[in-house]
């Protein structure tokens, strides 16, 4: 095993997240290709994947900021109570 194979980035890029979402949605919605047509379905899946990936990245950033803010406050409260 090379280090390149085992080392993964901590946070996936926007394109990687979007590609994973597109793959999952295409698999889940395969039966609708005949009804909507391949191009329409691909376009709509692409639009949905953009929205979902954007929301995921926003929520990840908010959670990271909340964690950083809450840990110093808890530490300060513990020292003042003693």
Protein backbone atom coordinates (compact mmCIF):
# COMPACT_ATOMS: atom_id res chain seq x y z
CA UNK A 1 0.00 0.00 0.00
CA UNK A 2 1.28 3.38 -0.95
CA UNK A 3 0.76 6.43 1.15
CA UNK A 4 -1.08 7.97 -1.79
CA UNK A 5 -3.68 5.20 -1.72
CA UNK A 6 -4.25 5.30 2.04
CA UNK A 7 -4.06 9.07 2.56
CA UNK A 8 -7.44 10.74 1.98
CA UNK A 9 -8.20 14.43 2.35
CA UNK A 10 -10.01 15.31 5.58
CA UNK A 11 -12.79 17.12 3.76
CA UNK A 12 -13.79 16.11 0.27
CA UNK A 13 -13.92 18.79 -2.39
CA UNK A 14 -17.14 20.20 -3.79
CA UNK A 15 -16.75 18.23 -7.00
CA UNK A 16 -16.23 14.95 -5.18
CA UNK A 17 -19.29 15.47 -3.01
CA UNK A 18 -21.38 16.48 -6.00
CA UNK A 19 -20.22 13.46 -8.00
CA UNK A 20 -21.12 11.09 -5.16
CA UNK A 21 -24.58 12.63 -4.86
CA UNK A 22 -25.14 12.38 -8.63
CA UNK A 23 -24.13 8.71 -8.60
CA UNK A 24 -26.49 7.90 -5.74
CA UNK A 25 -29.40 9.80 -7.25
CA UNK A 26 -28.90 8.23 -10.67
CA UNK A 27 -29.03 4.79 -9.10
CA UNK A 28 -32.11 5.61 -7.07
CA UNK A 29 -33.99 7.29 -9.91
CA UNK A 30 -33.03 4.96 -12.77
CA UNK A 31 -36.64 3.93 -13.40
CA UNK A 32 -37.62 7.54 -14.21
CA UNK A 33 -35.22 7.81 -17.16
CA UNK A 34 -37.83 6.43 -19.52
CA UNK A 35 -40.55 8.78 -18.30
CA UNK A 36 -38.59 12.03 -18.23
CA UNK A 37 -35.91 11.29 -20.74
CA UNK A 38 -32.22 10.91 -20.07
CA UNK A 39 -31.26 14.56 -20.62
CA UNK A 40 -34.01 16.02 -18.43
CA UNK A 41 -33.29 13.62 -15.61
CA UNK A 42 -29.53 14.26 -15.81
CA UNK A 43 -30.12 18.03 -15.72
CA UNK A 44 -32.43 17.84 -12.72
CA UNK A 45 -30.15 15.47 -10.84
CA UNK A 46 -27.26 17.85 -11.46
CA UNK A 47 -29.25 20.80 -10.11
CA UNK A 48 -30.31 18.87 -7.01
CA UNK A 49 -26.78 17.70 -6.35
CA UNK A 50 -25.54 21.30 -6.44
CA UNK A 51 -28.14 22.35 -3.88
CA UNK A 52 -27.48 19.42 -1.58
CA UNK A 53 -23.69 19.75 -1.72
CA UNK A 54 -23.92 23.48 -1.01
CA UNK A 55 -26.13 22.86 2.03
CA UNK A 56 -23.84 20.10 3.28
CA UNK A 57 -20.80 22.32 3.11
CA UNK A 58 -22.62 25.18 4.87
CA UNK A 59 -23.81 22.93 7.67
CA UNK A 60 -20.32 21.47 8.06
CA UNK A 61 -18.82 24.93 8.42
CA UNK A 62 -21.45 25.95 10.98
CA UNK A 63 -20.85 22.83 13.07
CA UNK A 64 -17.11 23.46 13.03
CA UNK A 65 -17.59 27.04 14.18
CA UNK A 66 -19.98 26.02 16.94
CA UNK A 67 -17.57 23.42 18.28
CA UNK A 68 -14.74 25.91 18.43
CA UNK A 69 -16.86 28.48 20.23
CA UNK A 70 -18.34 26.14 22.82
CA UNK A 71 -15.14 24.49 24.02
CA UNK A 72 -13.43 27.66 25.36
CA UNK A 73 -16.61 28.74 27.14
CA UNK A 74 -16.93 25.42 28.92
CA UNK A 75 -13.30 25.52 29.99
CA UNK A 76 -13.71 29.06 31.30
CA UNK A 77 -16.85 28.16 33.22
CA UNK A 78 -15.19 25.19 34.89
CA UNK A 79 -12.28 27.29 36.12
CA UNK A 80 -14.53 30.03 37.50
CA UNK A 81 -16.78 27.62 39.40
CA UNK A 82 -13.88 26.27 41.42
